């Protein structure tokens, strides 16, 4: 496991690992946008990463829900909550963007 996330409390470790994942993913999308900029008709690497984020979040949410209920891993409850909140917030942002008049 990652050494700086080596806690005795598995719930805290799971939640912090989820938060670190989203921070690293966001930083990678910023870095991708810096190196491969978005053009008028072509999305850059950062935008592509942000487009695939809801799909990845939903997959991680489903995997954690399966682990939570089938394997009885109760330490994943905050990780599931974080994935759900991120998915709902991304869904709200995409709905807002799709209804914006450009």
Foldseek 3Di string as FASTA:
>chain_A
DDPVLPDPQLLVSLLVVLVVVVVVLLVVLVVQCVVFPQDPPRHTSSVVSLVCVLVVLVVVLVVLVCCCPVVVPVSCPNVNVVSVVVNVVSVVVVVVVVPDDD
